[in-house]
């Protein structure tokens, strides 16, 4: 079974929201400046969405670790 591109986009967005919140929190602890932390998170949000999408599409073409769905007539 293959995933459709829009599923990869939805997964990328949901993961990036989580990842960006983490980046903002870590950046704030490191810099002590909320404005700088938000700036870092904002830039990182878009670059990593693109990278994750490409990563997902490449892995979607690789058979490693996948099993074919069984059909009723197979034993």
PDB file of N, CA and C in Angstrom:
ATOM      1  N   UNK A   1       0.840  -1.171   0.000  1.00  0.00           N
ATOM      2  CA  UNK A   1       0.000   0.000   0.000  1.00  0.00           C
ATOM      3  C   UNK A   1       0.888   1.239   0.000  1.00  0.00           C
ATOM      4  N   UNK A   2       0.566   2.186  -0.831  1.00  0.00           N
ATOM      5  CA  UNK A   2       1.340   3.423  -0.923  1.00  0.00           C
ATOM      6  C   UNK A   2       0.538   4.576  -0.336  1.00  0.00           C
ATOM      7  N   UNK A   3       1.245   5.496   0.258  1.00  0.00           N
ATOM      8  CA  UNK A   3       0.589   6.689   0.787  1.00  0.00           C
ATOM      9  C   UNK A   3       0.450   7.720  -0.317  1.00  0.00           C
ATOM     10  N   UNK A   4      -0.636   8.457  -0.260  1.00  0.00           N
ATOM     11  CA  UNK A   4      -0.840   9.542  -1.218  1.00  0.00           C
ATOM     12  C   UNK A   4      -0.074  10.771  -0.734  1.00  0.00           C
ATOM     13  N   UNK A   5       0.301  11.646  -1.673  1.00  0.00           N
ATOM     14  CA  UNK A   5       1.080  12.834  -1.292  1.00  0.00           C
ATOM     15  C   UNK A   5       0.419  13.698  -0.221  1.00  0.00           C
ATOM     16  N   UNK A   6      -0.911  13.840  -0.249  1.00  0.00           N
ATOM     17  CA  UNK A   6      -1.548  14.702   0.746  1.00  0.00           C
ATOM     18  C   UNK A   6      -1.427  14.124   2.158  1.00  0.00           C
ATOM     19  N   UNK A   7      -1.303  12.808   2.272  1.00  0.00           N
ATOM     20  CA  UNK A   7      -1.072  12.216   3.594  1.00  0.00           C
ATOM     21  C   UNK A   7       0.319  12.595   4.102  1.00  0.00           C
ATOM     22  N   UNK A   8       1.300  12.580   3.214  1.00  0.00           N
ATOM     23  CA  UNK A   8       2.646  12.997   3.599  1.00  0.00           C
ATOM     24  C   UNK A   8       2.660  14.461   4.023  1.00  0.00           C
ATOM     25  N   UNK A   9       1.891  15.298   3.350  1.00  0.00           N
ATOM     26  CA  UNK A   9       1.813  16.713   3.715  1.00  0.00           C
ATOM     27  C   UNK A   9       1.190  16.868   5.101  1.00  0.00           C
ATOM     28  N   UNK A  10       0.094  16.158   5.371  1.00  0.00           N
ATOM     29  CA  UNK A  10      -0.559  16.236   6.681  1.00  0.00           C
ATOM     30  C   UNK A  10       0.373  15.766   7.795  1.00  0.00           C
ATOM     31  N   UNK A  11       1.100  14.686   7.541  1.00  0.00           N
ATOM     32  CA  UNK A  11       2.049  14.183   8.539  1.00  0.00           C
ATOM     33  C   UNK A  11       3.176  15.186   8.760  1.00  0.00           C
ATOM     34  N   UNK A  12       3.664  15.782   7.683  1.00  0.00           N
ATOM     35  CA  UNK A  12       4.731  16.769   7.803  1.00  0.00           C
ATOM     36  C   UNK A  12       4.271  17.964   8.631  1.00  0.00           C
ATOM     37  N   UNK A  13       3.073  18.443   8.384  1.00  0.00           N
ATOM     38  CA  UNK A  13       2.561  19.599   9.125  1.00  0.00           C
ATOM     39  C   UNK A  13       2.383  19.292  10.606  1.00  0.00           C
ATOM     40  N   UNK A  14       1.773  18.144  10.913  1.00  0.00           N
ATOM     41  CA  UNK A  14       1.544  17.816  12.321  1.00  0.00           C
ATOM     42  C   UNK A  14       2.867  17.610  13.065  1.00  0.00           C
ATOM     43  N   UNK A  15       3.815  16.979  12.417  1.00  0.00           N
ATOM     44  CA  UNK A  15       5.112  16.770  13.053  1.00  0.00           C
ATOM     45  C   UNK A  15       5.854  18.082  13.238  1.00  0.00           C
ATOM     46  N   UNK A  16       5.781  18.964  12.252  1.00  0.00           N
ATOM     47  CA  UNK A  16       6.509  20.223  12.339  1.00  0.00           C
ATOM     48  C   UNK A  16       5.943  21.127  13.412  1.00  0.00           C
ATOM     49  N   UNK A  17       4.649  21.123  13.635  1.00  0.00           N
ATOM     50  CA  UNK A  17       4.089  21.931  14.723  1.00  0.00           C
ATOM     51  C   UNK A  17       4.721  21.484  16.043  1.00  0.00           C
ATOM     52  N   UNK A  18       4.776  20.180  16.242  1.00  0.00           N
ATOM     53  CA  UNK A  18       5.391  19.633  17.451  1.00  0.00           C
ATOM     54  C   UNK A  18       6.872  19.995  17.517  1.00  0.00           C
ATOM     55  N   UNK A  19       7.576  19.776  16.426  1.00  0.00           N
ATOM     56  CA  UNK A  19       9.011  20.055  16.379  1.00  0.00           C
ATOM     57  C   UNK A  19       9.338  21.527  16.547  1.00  0.00           C
ATOM     58  N   UNK A  20       8.510  22.388  15.967  1.00  0.00           N
ATOM     59  CA  UNK A  20       8.755  23.823  16.064  1.00  0.00           C
ATOM     60  C   UNK A  20       8.537  24.323  17.489  1.00  0.00           C
ATOM     61  N   UNK A  21       7.519  23.816  18.143  1.00  0.00           N
ATOM     62  CA  UNK A  21       7.306  24.193  19.546  1.00  0.00           C
ATOM     63  C   UNK A  21       8.526  23.801  20.382  1.00  0.00           C
ATOM     64  N   UNK A  22       9.052  22.630  20.116  1.00  0.00           N
ATOM     65  CA  UNK A  22      10.252  22.186  20.816  1.00  0.00           C
ATOM     66  C   UNK A  22      11.427  23.118  20.522  1.00  0.00           C
ATOM     67  N   UNK A  23      11.607  23.470  19.266  1.00  0.00           N
ATOM     68  CA  UNK A  23      12.709  24.354  18.874  1.00  0.00           C
ATOM     69  C   UNK A  23      12.587  25.719  19.541  1.00  0.00           C
ATOM     70  N   UNK A  24      11.369  26.262  19.602  1.00  0.00           N
ATOM     71  CA  UNK A  24      11.165  27.564  20.229  1.00  0.00           C
ATOM     72  C   UNK A  24      11.507  27.498  21.721  1.00  0.00           C
ATOM     73  N   UNK A  25      11.059  26.442  22.389  1.00  0.00           N
ATOM     74  CA  UNK A  25      11.341  26.299  23.821  1.00  0.00           C
ATOM     75  C   UNK A  25      12.840  26.171  24.063  1.00  0.00           C
ATOM     76  N   UNK A  26      13.508  25.303  23.297  1.00  0.00           N
ATOM     77  CA  UNK A  26      14.960  25.120  23.463  1.00  0.00           C
ATOM     78  C   UNK A  26      15.693  26.423  23.135  1.00  0.00           C
ATOM     79  N   UNK A  27      15.294  27.095  22.059  1.00  0.00           N
ATOM     80  CA  UNK A  27      15.940  28.354  21.680  1.00  0.00           C
ATOM     81  C   UNK A  27      15.777  29.408  22.760  1.00  0.00           C
ATOM     82  N   UNK A  28      14.620  29.439  23.384  1.00  0.00           N
ATOM     83  CA  UNK A  28      14.394  30.395  24.464  1.00  0.00           C
ATOM     84  C   UNK A  28      15.304  30.102  25.657  1.00  0.00           C
ATOM     85  N   UNK A  29      15.405  28.812  26.015  1.00  0.00           N
ATOM     86  CA  UNK A  29      16.287  28.456  27.135  1.00  0.00           C
ATOM     87  C   UNK A  29      17.744  28.784  26.837  1.00  0.00           C
ATOM     88  N   UNK A  30      18.161  28.622  25.602  1.00  0.00           N
ATOM     89  CA  UNK A  30      19.556  28.890  25.235  1.00  0.00           C
ATOM     90  C   UNK A  30      19.824  30.397  25.157  1.00  0.00           C
ATOM     91  N   UNK A  31      18.898  31.139  24.526  1.00  0.00           N
ATOM     92  CA  UNK A  31      19.144  32.568  24.293  1.00  0.00           C
ATOM     93  C   UNK A  31      18.555  33.473  25.356  1.00  0.00           C
ATOM     94  N   UNK A  32      17.466  33.031  26.003  1.00  0.00           N
ATOM     95  CA  UNK A  32      16.779  33.879  26.972  1.00  0.00           C
ATOM     96  C   UNK A  32      15.964  34.978  26.325  1.00  0.00           C
ATOM     97  N   UNK A  33      15.807  34.903  25.003  1.00  0.00           N
ATOM     98  CA  UNK A  33      15.083  35.952  24.261  1.00  0.00           C
ATOM     99  C   UNK A  33      13.945  35.313  23.465  1.00  0.00           C
ATOM    100  N   UNK A  34      12.724  35.644  23.842  1.00  0.00           N
ATOM    101  CA  UNK A  34      11.558  35.040  23.200  1.00  0.00           C
ATOM    102  C   UNK A  34      11.451  35.426  21.729  1.00  0.00           C
ATOM    103  N   UNK A  35      11.774  36.662  21.415  1.00  0.00           N
ATOM    104  CA  UNK A  35      11.676  37.120  20.015  1.00  0.00           C
ATOM    105  C   UNK A  35      12.644  36.343  19.115  1.00  0.00           C
ATOM    106  N   UNK A  36      13.855  36.146  19.578  1.00  0.00           N
ATOM    107  CA  UNK A  36      14.846  35.374  18.827  1.00  0.00           C
ATOM    108  C   UNK A  36      14.408  33.915  18.718  1.00  0.00           C
ATOM    109  N   UNK A  37      13.888  33.362  19.800  1.00  0.00           N
ATOM    110  CA  UNK A  37      13.417  31.973  19.791  1.00  0.00           C
ATOM    111  C   UNK A  37      12.287  31.787  18.782  1.00  0.00           C
ATOM    112  N   UNK A  38      11.358  32.730  18.736  1.00  0.00           N
ATOM    113  CA  UNK A  38      10.255  32.645  17.763  1.00  0.00           C
ATOM    114  C   UNK A  38      10.766  32.782  16.334  1.00  0.00           C
ATOM    115  N   UNK A  39      11.745  33.637  16.114  1.00  0.00           N
ATOM    116  CA  UNK A  39      12.336  33.794  14.778  1.00  0.00           C
ATOM    117  C   UNK A  39      12.995  32.497  14.312  1.00  0.00           C
ATOM    118  N   UNK A  40      13.737  31.881  15.193  1.00  0.00           N
ATOM    119  CA  UNK A  40      14.388  30.606  14.871  1.00  0.00           C
ATOM    120  C   UNK A  40      13.323  29.557  14.551  1.00  0.00           C
ATOM    121  N   UNK A  41      12.299  29.476  15.380  1.00  0.00           N
ATOM    122  CA  UNK A  41      11.211  28.521  15.152  1.00  0.00           C
ATOM    123  C   UNK A  41      10.487  28.760  13.852  1.00  0.00           C
ATOM    124  N   UNK A  42      10.272  30.014  13.492  1.00  0.00           N
ATOM    125  CA  UNK A  42       9.559  30.354  12.261  1.00  0.00           C
ATOM    126  C   UNK A  42      10.330  29.894  11.019  1.00  0.00           C
ATOM    127  N   UNK A  43      11.615  30.181  10.979  1.00  0.00           N
ATOM    128  CA  UNK A  43      12.441  29.773   9.839  1.00  0.00           C
ATOM    129  C   UNK A  43      12.514  28.246   9.766  1.00  0.00           C
ATOM    130  N   UNK A  44      12.757  27.632  10.893  1.00  0.00           N
ATOM    131  CA  UNK A  44      12.889  26.181  10.970  1.00  0.00           C
ATOM    132  C   UNK A  44      11.608  25.472  10.542  1.00  0.00           C
ATOM    133  N   UNK A  45      10.468  26.053  10.845  1.00  0.00           N
ATOM    134  CA  UNK A  45       9.178  25.460  10.481  1.00  0.00           C
ATOM    135  C   UNK A  45       9.102  25.158   8.984  1.00  0.00           C
ATOM    136  N   UNK A  46       9.418  26.137   8.168  1.00  0.00           N
ATOM    137  CA  UNK A  46       9.268  25.978   6.721  1.00  0.00           C
ATOM    138  C   UNK A  46      10.362  25.119   6.093  1.00  0.00           C
ATOM    139  N   UNK A  47      11.579  25.257   6.551  1.00  0.00           N
ATOM    140  CA  UNK A  47      12.640  24.445   5.951  1.00  0.00           C
ATOM    141  C   UNK A  47      12.440  22.964   6.275  1.00  0.00           C
ATOM    142  N   UNK A  48      12.025  22.672   7.476  1.00  0.00           N
ATOM    143  CA  UNK A  48      11.878  21.266   7.856  1.00  0.00           C
ATOM    144  C   UNK A  48      10.604  20.627   7.306  1.00  0.00           C
ATOM    145  N   UNK A  49       9.572  21.399   7.031  1.00  0.00           N
ATOM    146  CA  UNK A  49       8.395  20.841   6.350  1.00  0.00           C
ATOM    147  C   UNK A  49       8.816  20.335   4.971  1.00  0.00           C
ATOM    148  N   UNK A  50       9.560  21.138   4.259  1.00  0.00           N
ATOM    149  CA  UNK A  50      10.010  20.744   2.926  1.00  0.00           C
ATOM    150  C   UNK A  50      10.915  19.514   2.990  1.00  0.00           C
ATOM    151  N   UNK A  51      11.843  19.506   3.912  1.00  0.00           N
ATOM    152  CA  UNK A  51      12.748  18.361   4.041  1.00  0.00           C
ATOM    153  C   UNK A  51      11.995  17.088   4.425  1.00  0.00           C
ATOM    154  N   UNK A  52      11.041  17.200   5.332  1.00  0.00           N
ATOM    155  CA  UNK A  52      10.275  16.032   5.755  1.00  0.00           C
ATOM    156  C   UNK A  52       9.436  15.487   4.600  1.00  0.00           C
ATOM    157  N   UNK A  53       8.814  16.362   3.835  1.00  0.00           N
ATOM    158  CA  UNK A  53       7.997  15.935   2.698  1.00  0.00           C
ATOM    159  C   UNK A  53       8.848  15.145   1.699  1.00  0.00           C
ATOM    160  N   UNK A  54      10.001  15.667   1.348  1.00  0.00           N
ATOM    161  CA  UNK A  54      10.894  14.965   0.418  1.00  0.00           C
ATOM    162  C   UNK A  54      11.317  13.626   1.023  1.00  0.00           C
ATOM    163  N   UNK A  55      11.663  13.615   2.287  1.00  0.00           N
ATOM    164  CA  UNK A  55      12.056  12.393   2.975  1.00  0.00           C
ATOM    165  C   UNK A  55      10.942  11.345   2.908  1.00  0.00           C
ATOM    166  N   UNK A  56       9.709  11.740   3.187  1.00  0.00           N
ATOM    167  CA  UNK A  56       8.570  10.826   3.137  1.00  0.00           C
ATOM    168  C   UNK A  56       8.346  10.260   1.730  1.00  0.00           C
ATOM    169  N   UNK A  57       8.455  11.111   0.718  1.00  0.00           N
ATOM    170  CA  UNK A  57       8.203  10.665  -0.656  1.00  0.00           C
ATOM    171  C   UNK A  57       9.284   9.689  -1.105  1.00  0.00           C
ATOM    172  N   UNK A  58      10.512   9.912  -0.695  1.00  0.00           N
ATOM    173  CA  UNK A  58      11.582   8.975  -1.036  1.00  0.00           C
ATOM    174  C   UNK A  58      11.322   7.637  -0.354  1.00  0.00           C
ATOM    175  N   UNK A  59      11.014   7.654   0.949  1.00  0.00           N
ATOM    176  CA  UNK A  59      10.752   6.410   1.666  1.00  0.00           C
ATOM    177  C   UNK A  59       9.514   5.690   1.141  1.00  0.00           C
ATOM    178  N   UNK A  60       8.584   6.416   0.586  1.00  0.00           N
ATOM    179  CA  UNK A  60       7.391   5.791   0.015  1.00  0.00           C
ATOM    180  C   UNK A  60       7.739   4.913  -1.190  1.00  0.00           C
ATOM    181  N   UNK A  61       8.857   5.171  -1.819  1.00  0.00           N
ATOM    182  CA  UNK A  61       9.298   4.386  -2.980  1.00  0.00           C
ATOM    183  C   UNK A  61      10.163   3.181  -2.587  1.00  0.00           C
ATOM    184  N   UNK A  62      10.539   3.084  -1.327  1.00  0.00           N
ATOM    185  CA  UNK A  62      11.417   2.013  -0.868  1.00  0.00           C
ATOM    186  C   UNK A  62      10.576   0.898  -0.247  1.00  0.00           C
ATOM    187  N   UNK A  63      10.813  -0.322  -0.680  1.00  0.00           N
ATOM    188  CA  UNK A  63      10.021  -1.458  -0.208  1.00  0.00           C
ATOM    189  C   UNK A  63      10.473  -1.979   1.160  1.00  0.00           C
ATOM    190  N   UNK A  64      11.622  -1.572   1.618  1.00  0.00           N
ATOM    191  CA  UNK A  64      12.182  -2.052   2.873  1.00  0.00           C
ATOM    192  C   UNK A  64      11.157  -1.966   4.021  1.00  0.00           C
ATOM    193  N   UNK A  65      10.921  -3.106   4.682  1.00  0.00           N
ATOM    194  CA  UNK A  65      10.055  -3.134   5.846  1.00  0.00           C
ATOM    195  C   UNK A  65       8.571  -3.156   5.563  1.00  0.00           C
ATOM    196  N   UNK A  66       8.184  -3.325   4.334  1.00  0.00           N
ATOM    197  CA  UNK A  66       6.770  -3.371   3.979  1.00  0.00           C
ATOM    198  C   UNK A  66       6.350  -4.795   3.680  1.00  0.00           C
ATOM    199  N   UNK A  67       5.103  -5.080   3.963  1.00  0.00           N
ATOM    200  CA  UNK A  67       4.541  -6.382   3.627  1.00  0.00           C
ATOM    201  C   UNK A  67       3.390  -6.155   2.656  1.00  0.00           C
ATOM    202  N   UNK A  68       3.284  -7.047   1.712  1.00  0.00           N
ATOM    203  CA  UNK A  68       2.157  -6.944   0.784  1.00  0.00           C
ATOM    204  C   UNK A  68       0.876  -7.329   1.496  1.00  0.00           C
ATOM    205  N   UNK A  69      -0.223  -6.647   1.203  1.00  0.00           N
ATOM    206  CA  UNK A  69      -1.490  -7.036   1.819  1.00  0.00           C
ATOM    207  C   UNK A  69      -1.899  -8.431   1.342  1.00  0.00           C
ATOM    208  N   UNK A  70      -2.395  -9.240   2.266  1.00  0.00           N
ATOM    209  CA  UNK A  70      -2.834 -10.588   1.899  1.00  0.00           C
ATOM    210  C   UNK A  70      -4.188 -10.519   1.220  1.00  0.00           C
ATOM    211  N   UNK A  71      -4.362 -11.361   0.260  1.00  0.00           N
ATOM    212  CA  UNK A  71      -5.660 -11.469  -0.427  1.00  0.00           C
ATOM    213  C   UNK A  71      -6.393 -12.657   0.166  1.00  0.00           C
ATOM    214  N   UNK A  72      -7.694 -12.636   0.109  1.00  0.00           N
ATOM    215  CA  UNK A  72      -8.518 -13.704   0.694  1.00  0.00           C
ATOM    216  C   UNK A  72      -8.183 -15.081   0.124  1.00  0.00           C
ATOM    217  N   UNK A  73      -7.802 -15.130  -1.148  1.00  0.00           N
ATOM    218  CA  UNK A  73      -7.545 -16.436  -1.768  1.00  0.00           C
ATOM    219  C   UNK A  73      -6.136 -16.942  -1.519  1.00  0.00           C
ATOM    220  N   UNK A  74      -5.267 -16.156  -0.858  1.00  0.00           N
ATOM    221  CA  UNK A  74      -3.916 -16.615  -0.531  1.00  0.00           C
ATOM    222  C   UNK A  74      -3.931 -17.389   0.791  1.00  0.00           C
ATOM    223  N   UNK A  75      -3.094 -18.364   0.878  1.00  0.00           N
ATOM    224  CA  UNK A  75      -3.016 -19.160   2.105  1.00  0.00           C
ATOM    225  C   UNK A  75      -1.819 -18.725   2.923  1.00  0.00           C
TER     226      UNK A  75
END
